[in-house]
Protein backbone atom coordinates (compact mmCIF):
# COMPACT_ATOMS: atom_id res chain seq x y z
CA UNK A 1 0.00 0.00 0.00
CA UNK A 2 1.46 3.31 -1.05
CA UNK A 3 1.30 6.31 1.27
CA UNK A 4 1.92 9.99 0.68
CA UNK A 5 2.74 12.96 2.88
CA UNK A 6 -0.92 14.02 2.74
CA UNK A 7 -2.58 17.39 2.83
CA UNK A 8 -3.55 19.87 5.51
CA UNK A 9 -6.91 21.62 5.61
CA UNK A 10 -8.48 23.93 8.12
CA UNK A 11 -11.58 21.75 8.01
CA UNK A 12 -11.90 18.21 6.68
CA UNK A 13 -15.45 17.07 5.82
CA UNK A 14 -16.23 13.38 5.36
CA UNK A 15 -19.37 13.15 3.21
CA UNK A 16 -21.05 15.19 0.48
CA UNK A 17 -24.74 15.28 1.38
CA UNK A 18 -26.68 18.37 2.44
CA UNK A 19 -24.96 18.59 5.85
CA UNK A 20 -21.42 18.32 4.51
CA UNK A 21 -21.90 20.66 1.57
CA UNK A 22 -23.80 23.30 3.57
CA UNK A 23 -21.13 23.20 6.28
CA UNK A 24 -18.35 23.51 3.71
CA UNK A 25 -19.90 26.60 2.14
CA UNK A 26 -20.25 28.25 5.54
CA UNK A 27 -16.81 27.18 6.85
CA UNK A 28 -15.04 28.34 3.68
CA UNK A 29 -15.55 31.85 5.02
CA UNK A 30 -13.01 30.99 7.76
CA UNK A 31 -10.50 28.73 5.99
CA UNK A 32 -9.68 26.00 3.50
CA UNK A 33 -12.09 23.05 3.33
CA UNK A 34 -11.49 19.53 2.02
CA UNK A 35 -14.48 17.31 1.22
CA UNK A 36 -13.85 13.55 1.10
CA UNK A 37 -16.57 11.51 -0.62
CA UNK A 38 -16.24 7.82 -1.34
CA UNK A 39 -18.23 7.85 -4.57
CA UNK A 40 -19.39 10.63 -6.89
CA UNK A 41 -19.98 13.90 -5.06
CA UNK A 42 -23.74 13.78 -5.73
CA UNK A 43 -24.16 10.22 -4.38
CA UNK A 44 -25.67 10.63 -0.92
CA UNK A 45 -28.83 9.96 1.06
CA UNK A 46 -29.76 13.60 0.43
CA UNK A 47 -29.91 12.98 -3.30
CA UNK A 48 -32.56 10.29 -2.75
CA UNK A 49 -34.75 12.37 -0.42
CA UNK A 50 -38.13 12.79 -2.09
CA UNK A 51 -40.39 14.37 0.51
CA UNK A 52 -38.87 17.68 1.50
CA UNK A 53 -37.73 19.84 4.39
CA UNK A 54 -40.02 20.78 7.28
CA UNK A 55 -40.04 24.42 8.38
CA UNK A 56 -42.51 27.00 9.62
CA UNK A 57 -43.15 29.36 6.70
CA UNK A 58 -46.94 29.75 6.76
CA UNK A 59 -49.16 32.08 8.79
CA UNK A 60 -51.33 29.01 9.48
CA UNK A 61 -48.40 27.38 11.28
CA UNK A 62 -46.27 28.19 14.32
CA UNK A 63 -43.02 27.18 15.98
CA UNK A 64 -44.96 25.76 18.92
CA UNK A 65 -47.00 23.50 16.63
CA UNK A 66 -43.87 22.20 14.89
CA UNK A 67 -42.12 21.68 18.23
CA UNK A 68 -45.08 19.78 19.65
CA UNK A 69 -45.38 17.56 16.57
CA UNK A 70 -41.67 16.72 16.86
CA UNK A 71 -41.92 15.94 20.58
CA UNK A 72 -44.98 13.75 20.02
CA UNK A 73 -43.29 11.75 17.28
CA UNK A 74 -40.12 11.42 19.39
CA UNK A 75 -42.02 9.43 22.04
CA UNK A 76 -40.44 10.99 25.12
CA UNK A 77 -36.79 11.01 24.07
CA UNK A 78 -36.44 14.35 22.26
CA UNK A 79 -34.37 17.05 23.95
CA UNK A 80 -36.80 19.96 23.93
CA UNK A 81 -34.16 22.76 23.95
CA UNK A 82 -32.55 21.17 20.88
CA UNK A 83 -35.92 20.79 19.17
CA UNK A 84 -36.76 24.42 19.86
CA UNK A 85 -33.39 25.69 18.58
CA UNK A 86 -33.60 23.74 15.32
CA UNK A 87 -37.25 24.56 14.64
CA UNK A 88 -36.83 28.27 15.38
CA UNK A 89 -33.65 28.65 13.30
CA UNK A 90 -35.11 26.67 10.41
CA UNK A 91 -36.70 29.50 8.40
CA UNK A 92 -33.37 31.41 8.30
CA UNK A 93 -31.58 28.38 6.92
CA UNK A 94 -34.34 27.94 4.33
CA UNK A 95 -33.60 31.50 3.22
CA UNK A 96 -29.91 30.54 2.96
CA UNK A 97 -30.78 27.62 0.70
CA UNK A 98 -32.90 29.81 -1.55
CA UNK A 99 -30.07 32.34 -1.77
CA UNK A 100 -27.75 29.50 -2.81
CA UNK A 101 -30.07 28.67 -5.72
CA UNK A 102 -32.48 26.11 -4.25
CA UNK A 103 -35.78 26.15 -6.14
CA UNK A 104 -38.76 25.05 -4.04
CA UNK A 105 -42.11 24.28 -5.66
CA UNK A 106 -44.58 27.15 -5.73
CA UNK A 107 -48.27 27.51 -6.45
CA UNK A 108 -50.73 30.24 -7.31
CA UNK A 109 -52.62 31.49 -4.24
CA UNK A 110 -56.28 30.42 -4.57
CA UNK A 111 -58.48 33.44 -5.28
CA UNK A 112 -55.49 35.68 -6.11
CA UNK A 113 -54.58 35.20 -9.78
CA UNK A 114 -50.89 35.82 -10.43
CA UNK A 115 -49.96 35.73 -6.72
CA UNK A 116 -47.41 32.99 -5.91
CA UNK A 117 -46.58 31.26 -2.60
CA UNK A 118 -44.54 28.22 -1.54
CA UNK A 119 -46.41 24.98 -2.15
CA UNK A 120 -46.37 23.30 1.26
CA UNK A 121 -46.91 19.56 1.60
CA UNK A 122 -48.16 17.56 4.57
CA UNK A 123 -46.67 14.32 5.86
CA UNK A 124 -47.26 11.82 8.65
CA UNK A 125 -47.20 13.26 12.17
CA UNK A 126 -47.51 16.91 11.05
CA UNK A 127 -50.53 18.92 12.20
CA UNK A 128 -50.04 21.56 9.50
CA UNK A 129 -48.79 21.80 5.94
CA UNK A 130 -45.13 22.78 6.36
CA UNK A 131 -43.10 20.58 3.98
CA UNK A 132 -41.17 22.62 1.45
CA UNK A 133 -40.40 20.48 -1.58
CA UNK A 134 -39.28 20.43 -5.18
CA UNK A 135 -42.02 18.16 -6.55
CA UNK A 136 -40.83 14.69 -5.39
CA UNK A 137 -37.12 15.20 -6.08
CA UNK A 138 -36.30 17.63 -3.27
CA UNK A 139 -33.02 15.97 -2.35
CA UNK A 140 -31.78 16.01 -5.93
CA UNK A 141 -32.58 19.72 -6.25
CA UNK A 142 -30.80 20.52 -2.97
CA UNK A 143 -27.69 18.62 -4.11
CA UNK A 144 -27.77 20.46 -7.45
CA UNK A 145 -27.92 23.87 -5.81
CA UNK A 146 -25.26 23.15 -3.19
CA UNK A 147 -22.83 21.43 -5.57
CA UNK A 148 -23.09 24.34 -7.97
CA UNK A 149 -22.30 26.74 -5.14
CA UNK A 150 -19.38 24.55 -3.98
CA UNK A 151 -17.91 24.48 -7.49
CA UNK A 152 -17.72 28.27 -7.42
CA UNK A 153 -15.92 28.41 -4.05
CA UNK A 154 -12.11 28.29 -4.55
CA UNK A 155 -11.43 27.47 -0.89
CA UNK A 156 -13.26 24.13 -1.16
CA UNK A 157 -11.57 21.04 -2.62
CA UNK A 158 -13.74 17.99 -3.37
CA UNK A 159 -12.01 14.61 -3.48
CA UNK A 160 -14.22 11.99 -5.14
CA UNK A 161 -13.60 8.23 -4.86
CA UNK A 162 -11.79 8.73 -1.55
CA UNK A 163 -12.78 6.49 1.38
CA UNK A 164 -12.01 7.53 4.98
CA UNK A 165 -10.49 4.53 6.78
CA UNK A 166 -10.14 5.89 10.31
CA UNK A 167 -9.80 9.05 12.33
CA UNK A 168 -6.39 10.09 13.64
CA UNK A 169 -6.53 11.07 17.31
CA UNK A 170 -3.97 12.11 19.88
CA UNK A 171 -4.97 9.08 21.97
CA UNK A 172 -3.99 6.79 19.11
CA UNK A 173 -0.77 8.76 18.64
CA UNK A 174 0.00 8.58 22.35
CA UNK A 175 0.19 12.37 22.64
CA UNK A 176 -1.17 14.25 25.67
CA UNK A 177 -3.88 13.21 28.09
CA UNK A 178 -6.97 14.36 26.17
CA UNK A 179 -8.44 12.79 23.05
CA UNK A 180 -8.33 15.20 20.09
CA UNK A 181 -9.03 14.39 16.46
CA UNK A 182 -6.28 15.78 14.21
CA UNK A 183 -7.11 14.20 10.86
CA UNK A 184 -7.96 11.01 9.00
CA UNK A 185 -6.40 8.25 6.93
CA UNK A 186 -8.11 8.18 3.55
CA UNK A 187 -7.95 5.54 0.80
CA UNK A 188 -7.70 6.87 -2.74
CA UNK A 189 -9.84 4.16 -4.31
CA UNK A 190 -8.53 4.67 -7.85
CA UNK A 191 -4.80 4.64 -7.05
CA UNK A 192 -4.85 2.38 -3.99
CA UNK A 193 -2.84 4.97 -2.05
CA UNK A 194 -3.63 5.87 1.54
CA UNK A 195 -3.39 9.62 2.18
CA UNK A 196 -2.83 11.30 5.55
CA UNK A 197 -5.09 14.33 5.90
CA UNK A 198 -4.62 16.74 8.82
CA UNK A 199 -7.15 19.34 9.91
CA UNK A 200 -8.03 21.72 12.74
CA UNK A 201 -11.44 20.07 12.78
CA UNK A 202 -12.82 16.90 11.18
CA UNK A 203 -16.54 16.90 10.40
CA UNK A 204 -18.44 13.64 9.99
CA UNK A 205 -21.27 14.11 7.49
CA UNK A 206 -21.37 10.51 6.33
CA UNK A 207 -25.10 9.86 6.51
CA UNK A 208 -26.78 6.72 7.78
CA UNK A 209 -26.47 2.93 7.81
CA UNK A 210 -29.37 1.54 5.78
CA UNK A 211 -27.18 -1.03 4.04
CA UNK A 212 -26.84 -2.87 7.36
CA UNK A 213 -30.25 -4.33 6.38
CA UNK A 214 -31.28 -6.40 3.36
CA UNK A 215 -34.08 -4.03 2.36
CA UNK A 216 -33.40 -0.31 2.47
CA UNK A 217 -34.33 2.90 0.70
CA UNK A 218 -30.73 4.10 1.06
CA UNK A 219 -28.09 4.13 -1.69
CA UNK A 220 -25.24 1.61 -1.62
CA UNK A 221 -22.91 4.07 0.14
CA UNK A 222 -25.00 4.12 3.37
CA UNK A 223 -22.80 1.72 5.37
CA UNK A 224 -22.55 3.58 8.69
CA UNK A 225 -18.95 4.66 8.14
CA UNK A 226 -19.09 7.75 10.36
CA UNK A 227 -20.65 5.97 13.34
CA UNK A 228 -18.10 3.16 13.06
CA UNK A 229 -15.11 5.52 12.80
CA UNK A 230 -16.28 7.69 15.70
CA UNK A 231 -16.96 4.63 17.87
CA UNK A 232 -13.49 3.25 17.17
CA UNK A 233 -12.02 6.67 18.03
CA UNK A 234 -13.67 6.69 21.45
CA UNK A 235 -16.66 8.97 20.83
CA UNK A 236 -19.92 7.89 22.53
CA UNK A 237 -22.76 6.68 20.31
CA UNK A 238 -26.40 6.84 21.40
CA UNK A 239 -29.86 5.47 20.59
CA UNK A 240 -28.83 3.24 17.69
CA UNK A 241 -31.72 0.88 18.47
CA UNK A 242 -34.02 3.44 16.83
CA UNK A 243 -33.79 2.55 13.14
CA UNK A 244 -36.64 4.05 11.17
CA UNK A 245 -38.19 1.76 8.60
CA UNK A 246 -39.91 3.72 5.86
CA UNK A 247 -43.37 2.20 5.54
CA UNK A 248 -43.61 2.43 1.76
CA UNK A 249 -40.86 1.09 -0.46
CA UNK A 250 -41.89 -0.07 -3.94
CA UNK A 251 -42.33 -3.84 -4.02
CA UNK A 252 -41.21 -5.20 -7.39
CA UNK A 253 -38.65 -7.90 -8.24
CA UNK A 254 -36.76 -5.57 -10.57
CA UNK A 255 -36.99 -2.39 -8.47
CA UNK A 256 -33.99 -1.68 -6.24
CA UNK A 257 -35.46 -0.25 -3.05
CA UNK A 258 -37.29 2.69 -4.61
CA UNK A 259 -38.91 4.84 -1.93
CA UNK A 260 -42.51 5.95 -2.34
CA UNK A 261 -42.48 9.32 -0.60
CA UNK A 262 -44.64 9.84 2.46
CA UNK A 263 -46.08 12.85 0.66
CA UNK A 264 -48.21 10.43 -1.37
CA UNK A 265 -50.08 9.65 1.84
CA UNK A 266 -49.97 13.34 2.72
CA UNK A 267 -51.92 14.09 -0.44
CA UNK A 268 -54.57 11.47 0.26
CA UNK A 269 -53.00 8.11 -0.53
CA UNK A 270 -54.58 5.26 1.46
CA UNK A 271 -52.92 2.07 2.67
CA UNK A 272 -54.94 -1.06 1.86
CA UNK A 273 -54.62 -4.82 2.09
CA UNK A 274 -54.00 -6.75 -1.13
CA UNK A 275 -57.78 -7.27 -1.19
CA UNK A 276 -58.20 -3.49 -1.36
CA UNK A 277 -59.48 -2.95 2.21
CA UNK A 278 -58.17 0.08 4.16
CA UNK A 279 -56.62 -1.03 7.46
CA UNK A 280 -54.86 1.90 9.17
CA UNK A 281 -57.97 3.02 11.06
CA UNK A 282 -57.50 -0.09 13.22
CA UNK A 283 -54.06 1.11 14.32
CA UNK A 284 -54.16 4.91 14.75
CA UNK A 285 -56.67 7.79 14.62
CA UNK A 286 -54.53 9.54 11.97
CA UNK A 287 -54.99 6.46 9.77
CA UNK A 288 -52.54 6.48 6.82
CA UNK A 289 -50.96 9.68 8.12
CA UNK A 290 -49.91 8.15 11.43
CA UNK A 291 -46.24 8.45 12.48
CA UNK A 292 -43.89 6.19 10.55
CA UNK A 293 -43.18 3.71 13.34
CA UNK A 294 -46.91 3.04 13.74
CA UNK A 295 -47.43 2.66 10.00
CA UNK A 296 -44.41 0.37 9.52
CA UNK A 297 -45.52 -1.94 12.36
CA UNK A 298 -49.08 -1.96 11.04
CA UNK A 299 -47.93 -3.00 7.57
CA UNK A 300 -45.61 -5.62 9.07
CA UNK A 301 -48.49 -7.01 11.12
CA UNK A 302 -50.89 -7.07 8.14
CA UNK A 303 -48.32 -8.93 6.02
CA UNK A 304 -47.66 -11.50 8.77
CA UNK A 305 -51.38 -11.91 9.48
CA UNK A 306 -52.33 -12.52 5.85
CA UNK A 307 -49.12 -14.04 4.53
CA UNK A 308 -49.01 -11.39 1.82
CA UNK A 309 -45.65 -10.18 0.54
CA UNK A 310 -46.80 -6.55 0.38
CA UNK A 311 -49.69 -4.14 0.93
CA UNK A 312 -51.11 -1.46 -1.37
CA UNK A 313 -50.88 2.34 -1.42
CA UNK A 314 -53.79 3.77 -3.38
CA UNK A 315 -54.01 7.38 -4.62
CA UNK A 316 -56.16 6.67 -7.68
CA UNK A 317 -59.06 8.74 -6.37
CA UNK A 318 -57.03 11.89 -7.13
CA UNK A 319 -57.11 13.35 -10.67
CA UNK A 320 -54.41 11.93 -12.94
CA UNK A 321 -52.99 15.37 -13.89
CA UNK A 322 -52.55 16.21 -10.19
CA UNK A 323 -50.75 12.92 -9.47
CA UNK A 324 -48.41 13.30 -12.46
CA UNK A 325 -47.60 16.93 -11.65
CA UNK A 326 -47.11 16.41 -7.89
CA UNK A 327 -45.22 13.12 -8.10
CA UNK A 328 -43.46 13.03 -11.48
CA UNK A 329 -40.55 10.90 -10.28
CA UNK A 330 -42.76 8.34 -8.54
CA UNK A 331 -45.08 8.25 -11.56
CA UNK A 332 -42.28 7.73 -14.10
CA UNK A 333 -40.44 5.14 -12.02
CA UNK A 334 -43.53 3.05 -11.29
CA UNK A 335 -44.52 3.24 -14.95
CA UNK A 336 -41.14 1.74 -15.86
CA UNK A 337 -42.18 -1.31 -13.85
CA UNK A 338 -45.63 -1.50 -15.45
CA UNK A 339 -47.54 0.27 -12.66
CA UNK A 340 -49.69 3.29 -13.61
CA UNK A 341 -50.30 4.94 -10.23
CA UNK A 342 -53.11 7.07 -11.68
CA UNK A 343 -55.08 3.87 -12.37
CA UNK A 344 -53.85 1.22 -9.93
CA UNK A 345 -52.48 1.05 -6.38
CA UNK A 346 -48.75 0.76 -5.67
CA UNK A 347 -47.43 -2.45 -4.06
CA UNK A 348 -45.31 -1.40 -1.05
CA UNK A 349 -43.29 -2.90 1.83
CA UNK A 350 -41.34 -1.32 4.72
CA UNK A 351 -37.56 -0.86 4.32
CA UNK A 352 -34.74 0.46 6.53
CA UNK A 353 -34.65 4.19 5.98
CA UNK A 354 -33.11 6.39 8.70
CA UNK A 355 -31.02 6.05 11.86
CA UNK A 356 -32.39 8.27 14.63
CA UNK A 357 -29.37 7.63 16.83
CA UNK A 358 -25.73 8.26 16.06
CA UNK A 359 -22.62 9.96 17.34
CA UNK A 360 -23.51 11.99 20.44
CA UNK A 361 -23.24 15.72 19.69
CA UNK A 362 -24.37 19.11 20.89
CA UNK A 363 -26.70 21.13 18.69
CA UNK A 364 -23.49 22.72 17.36
CA UNK A 365 -22.21 19.35 16.15
CA UNK A 366 -19.50 18.99 18.81
CA UNK A 367 -18.63 15.47 19.95
CA UNK A 368 -16.87 14.39 23.13
CA UNK A 369 -13.63 14.07 21.12
CA UNK A 370 -12.10 17.54 20.74
CA UNK A 371 -11.81 18.66 17.13
CA UNK A 372 -14.36 16.07 15.94
CA UNK A 373 -17.81 17.18 14.81
CA UNK A 374 -20.77 15.23 13.45
CA UNK A 375 -23.73 16.68 11.55
CA UNK A 376 -26.72 15.27 9.71
CA UNK A 377 -27.93 11.70 9.99
CA UNK A 378 -24.65 10.44 11.49
CA UNK A 379 -25.22 12.61 14.58
CA UNK A 380 -27.49 12.17 17.59
CA UNK A 381 -28.42 15.70 18.70
CA UNK A 382 -31.62 14.83 20.55
CA UNK A 383 -33.93 16.22 17.85
CA UNK A 384 -35.45 12.95 16.71
CA UNK A 385 -35.78 11.05 19.98
CA UNK A 386 -37.22 7.58 19.48
CA UNK A 387 -38.81 8.35 16.11
CA UNK A 388 -37.99 11.02 13.52
CA UNK A 389 -40.82 13.30 12.42
CA UNK A 390 -41.01 13.27 8.62
CA UNK A 391 -38.78 15.78 6.80
CA UNK A 392 -37.09 17.02 10.00
CA UNK A 393 -33.79 15.46 8.90
CA UNK A 394 -32.89 17.98 6.19
CA UNK A 395 -33.89 20.76 8.60
CA UNK A 396 -31.53 19.39 11.26
CA UNK A 397 -28.75 19.07 8.67
CA UNK A 398 -28.74 22.73 7.62
CA UNK A 399 -29.26 24.19 11.10
CA UNK A 400 -26.54 22.09 12.74
CA UNK A 401 -24.15 22.54 9.79
CA UNK A 402 -24.52 26.31 10.12
CA UNK A 403 -23.90 26.20 13.87
CA UNK A 404 -20.93 23.84 13.49
CA UNK A 405 -19.36 26.17 10.93
CA UNK A 406 -19.42 28.94 13.54
CA UNK A 407 -17.90 26.69 16.21
CA UNK A 408 -15.00 25.33 14.15
CA UNK A 409 -13.63 28.83 13.59
CA UNK A 410 -12.39 28.69 17.19
CA UNK A 411 -10.48 25.40 16.85
CA UNK A 412 -6.69 25.73 17.41
CA UNK A 413 -4.11 25.45 14.66
CA UNK A 414 -2.48 22.01 14.49
CA UNK A 415 0.63 20.47 12.88
CA UNK A 416 0.36 19.81 9.15
CA UNK A 417 -0.02 16.34 7.62
CA UNK A 418 3.73 15.83 7.25
CA UNK A 419 4.02 15.77 11.05
CA UNK A 420 1.58 12.83 11.34
CA UNK A 421 2.57 9.17 10.91
CA UNK A 422 1.95 7.85 7.42
CA UNK A 423 -0.11 4.74 6.83
CA UNK A 424 1.86 1.49 6.79
CA UNK A 425 0.59 -1.73 5.28
CA UNK A 426 3.04 -3.91 7.18
CA UNK A 427 2.86 -7.50 5.94
CA UNK A 428 -0.63 -7.19 4.44
CA UNK A 429 -1.13 -8.73 1.00
CA UNK A 430 -3.78 -8.47 -1.69
CA UNK A 431 -6.93 -10.39 -0.77
CA UNK A 432 -7.09 -13.77 -2.48
CA UNK A 433 -10.77 -14.60 -1.91
CA UNK A 434 -13.18 -11.68 -2.19
CA UNK A 435 -16.01 -14.21 -1.84
CA UNK A 436 -15.32 -14.04 1.93
CA UNK A 437 -16.21 -10.35 1.95
CA UNK A 438 -19.39 -10.91 -0.09
CA UNK A 439 -20.50 -13.84 2.08
CA UNK A 440 -19.97 -11.98 5.37
CA UNK A 441 -21.71 -8.89 4.00
CA UNK A 442 -24.80 -10.96 3.10
CA UNK A 443 -24.81 -12.82 6.41
CA UNK A 444 -24.71 -9.61 8.48
CA UNK A 445 -27.51 -7.97 6.52
CA UNK A 446 -29.72 -11.07 6.60
CA UNK A 447 -29.16 -11.54 10.36
CA UNK A 448 -30.07 -7.90 11.01
CA UNK A 449 -33.21 -8.14 8.87
CA UNK A 450 -34.39 -11.40 10.43
CA UNK A 451 -33.54 -10.67 14.08
CA UNK A 452 -33.22 -6.89 14.53
CA UNK A 453 -36.01 -5.60 12.30
CA UNK A 454 -39.33 -3.83 12.91
CA UNK A 455 -40.43 -6.26 15.67
CA UNK A 456 -37.81 -7.74 18.03
CA UNK A 457 -37.44 -10.19 20.91
CA UNK A 458 -34.56 -10.79 23.31
CA UNK A 459 -34.08 -14.27 21.84
CA UNK A 460 -33.77 -12.86 18.32
CA UNK A 461 -31.35 -10.19 19.52
CA UNK A 462 -29.19 -12.78 21.29
CA UNK A 463 -29.00 -14.80 18.07
CA UNK A 464 -27.96 -11.72 16.14
CA UNK A 465 -25.35 -10.81 18.75
CA UNK A 466 -23.68 -14.24 18.57
CA UNK A 467 -23.58 -14.28 14.78
CA UNK A 468 -22.26 -10.75 14.47
CA UNK A 469 -19.60 -11.33 17.17
CA UNK A 470 -18.26 -14.29 15.20
CA UNK A 471 -18.31 -12.32 11.97
CA UNK A 472 -16.55 -9.36 13.57
CA UNK A 473 -13.73 -11.58 14.72
CA UNK A 474 -13.34 -13.02 11.23
CA UNK A 475 -13.54 -9.61 9.57
CA UNK A 476 -10.98 -8.10 11.93
CA UNK A 477 -8.51 -10.89 11.13
CA UNK A 478 -9.18 -10.37 7.44
CA UNK A 479 -8.64 -6.61 7.86
CA UNK A 480 -5.19 -7.13 9.39
CA UNK A 481 -4.10 -9.75 6.85
CA UNK A 482 -5.04 -8.02 3.60
CA UNK A 483 -4.54 -4.66 1.94
CA UNK A 484 -7.59 -2.45 2.45
CA UNK A 485 -10.17 -2.00 -0.28
CA UNK A 486 -13.44 -0.06 -0.24
CA UNK A 487 -15.41 -3.34 -0.04
CA UNK A 488 -13.43 -4.53 2.97
CA UNK A 489 -13.75 -1.16 4.71
CA UNK A 490 -17.53 -1.08 4.19
CA UNK A 491 -17.84 -4.63 5.50
CA UNK A 492 -15.83 -3.71 8.60
CA UNK A 493 -18.04 -0.68 9.20
CA UNK A 494 -21.42 -2.38 8.78
CA UNK A 495 -20.27 -5.14 11.14
CA UNK A 496 -19.32 -2.54 13.76
CA UNK A 497 -22.60 -0.68 13.35
CA UNK A 498 -24.60 -3.92 13.47
CA UNK A 499 -22.87 -4.76 16.77
CA UNK A 500 -23.80 -1.33 18.16
CA UNK A 501 -27.45 -1.57 17.04
CA UNK A 502 -27.88 -4.99 18.65
CA UNK A 503 -26.20 -3.91 21.89
CA UNK A 504 -28.39 -0.80 22.04
CA UNK A 505 -31.59 -2.78 21.42
CA UNK A 506 -30.71 -5.31 24.12
CA UNK A 507 -30.01 -2.50 26.58
CA UNK A 508 -33.52 -0.99 26.33
CA UNK A 509 -36.07 -3.18 28.20
CA UNK A 510 -39.18 -1.49 26.81
CA UNK A 511 -40.94 -0.62 23.57
CA UNK A 512 -40.66 3.02 22.57
CA UNK A 513 -40.92 4.68 19.19
CA UNK A 514 -39.02 2.69 16.58
CA UNK A 515 -37.80 0.09 19.08
CA UNK A 516 -40.56 -2.50 19.49
CA UNK A 517 -39.97 -5.75 21.36
CA UNK A 518 -42.55 -8.44 22.10
CA UNK A 519 -40.86 -9.14 25.44
CA UNK A 520 -41.50 -5.58 26.69
CA UNK A 521 -44.44 -4.38 24.53
CA UNK A 522 -45.13 -1.15 26.45
CA UNK A 523 -43.12 1.99 27.21
CA UNK A 524 -41.50 2.10 30.65
CA UNK A 525 -41.90 5.58 32.22
CA UNK A 526 -38.54 5.17 33.98
CA UNK A 527 -36.87 5.02 30.56
CA UNK A 528 -38.34 8.29 29.28
CA UNK A 529 -35.55 10.81 28.63
CA UNK A 530 -32.94 8.04 29.02
CA UNK A 531 -30.59 7.63 26.07
CA UNK A 532 -28.87 4.34 25.32
CA UNK A 533 -25.21 5.40 25.24
CA UNK A 534 -22.39 3.07 24.17
CA UNK A 535 -18.73 3.88 24.44
CA UNK A 536 -15.67 1.92 23.40
CA UNK A 537 -13.28 1.93 26.36
CA UNK A 538 -10.12 2.43 24.31
CA UNK A 539 -9.54 3.47 20.73
CA UNK A 540 -8.16 0.75 18.48
CA UNK A 541 -4.47 1.13 17.53
CA UNK A 542 -5.06 1.58 13.80
CA UNK A 543 -1.97 3.64 12.97
CA UNK A 544 0.02 0.67 11.72
CA UNK A 545 -0.95 -2.43 9.80
CA UNK A 546 1.44 -4.40 12.00
CA UNK A 547 -0.22 -5.27 15.34
CA UNK A 548 1.99 -4.39 18.28
CA UNK A 549 4.47 -2.36 16.24
């Protein structure tokens, strides 16, 4: 494995979704920013977000209503001061996005010809229309606007096809008594070289971990890299038992986890059995607009009760022109698979969608490790609690990215990359059997889906824990023996995250929000406002490929 002397940035961002790009644009006012992204710069969970971004922009809405909706969805685990800060700062960050070129959908005000206003959608758990969107491709439009702005900022350098291996901390270096992050080792996927990047502050904006499960709405890059790296570096991780399963993923043998936005239900779509009978009224007074955890469990229950492989989402009672105009992406994609949503219901199943837990941070993105920040889905700020309110994630990303950009300006100057140890491969060789990686990858994801899914039991969790422990041991040995590749690094990370999710689920003896266990089917009042926090006692010595050297 080749190594270079690396580069030094003021701020090193790992990830190129809305949080990372928005932070970079703000932080570039204070210094030089490097963005590391393991695929193409536009490949991120943000790019796949269909629904929109929740913010109070209507006179019919209020901060208090948005705050209350968030607290209700969060099932007793939201941190109210954090919720209030993010909700109240949201409209200003929306203005920032519009100034950067974001184009939200608009409509003509009824009764006022020629007068235009933002077209606000409504989604599950919201008491008012407050979802700003760009039709049903909001994430793609946000990425377009932010990437265009980044390309015009000379103080930002984007490094595509670069995979962060691990964080470099003073604890790993054996320097000082505190634990400060001073950079990262990064694999250049195309050249096979490992670069040493130093920075005053490292910002995790790596997104979520949907690929830990067999069925997910996330892109292939969502392998929990940031959570795994932070955990190995000694940062606490919280509430990883709360994995949100999106209730409505397109069910089709040739469709790869295509999400059917919650806005379809917001505009009147009804969930029905395969016989065409509505069923959500039996589970919640908000029916098909109930919070996501309720809807996902209801669908799971209906499928298990009937033996059906999916349920139906029906919006055919709306006029065809409205459906095509409001949901052009959903309409076109379903049509490709022979489903005309203006004439027939959509077959849907739940799929892993969003991690509500993550690296423990303040609302400013600060972690317990000095110099290390986390923003967006990778972070656990206390906004989402036990269940994320729809479309609050993009709001959290921009508010916390803005606040983190202010905080990092105060980080101290550090030695440049040439002063840090370079990566050494030791006696590692090229992997001879990549089938081992593929097999372990499949086994982890299948175990998580079967035993740590929408409905859990202690027995299932114990089975998952044993299997994942064995796999982790095998993967770690494989990691030391062979030269790192992106596939091996992703496998290592999903195994670590799977371990954390299982441990978190076993540590919460109740059902709350997204964590539902048949052994403890009700919430326990003594566990309200109690986070499940996991911490690795000592950071792994990853500086050398030669153990003990």
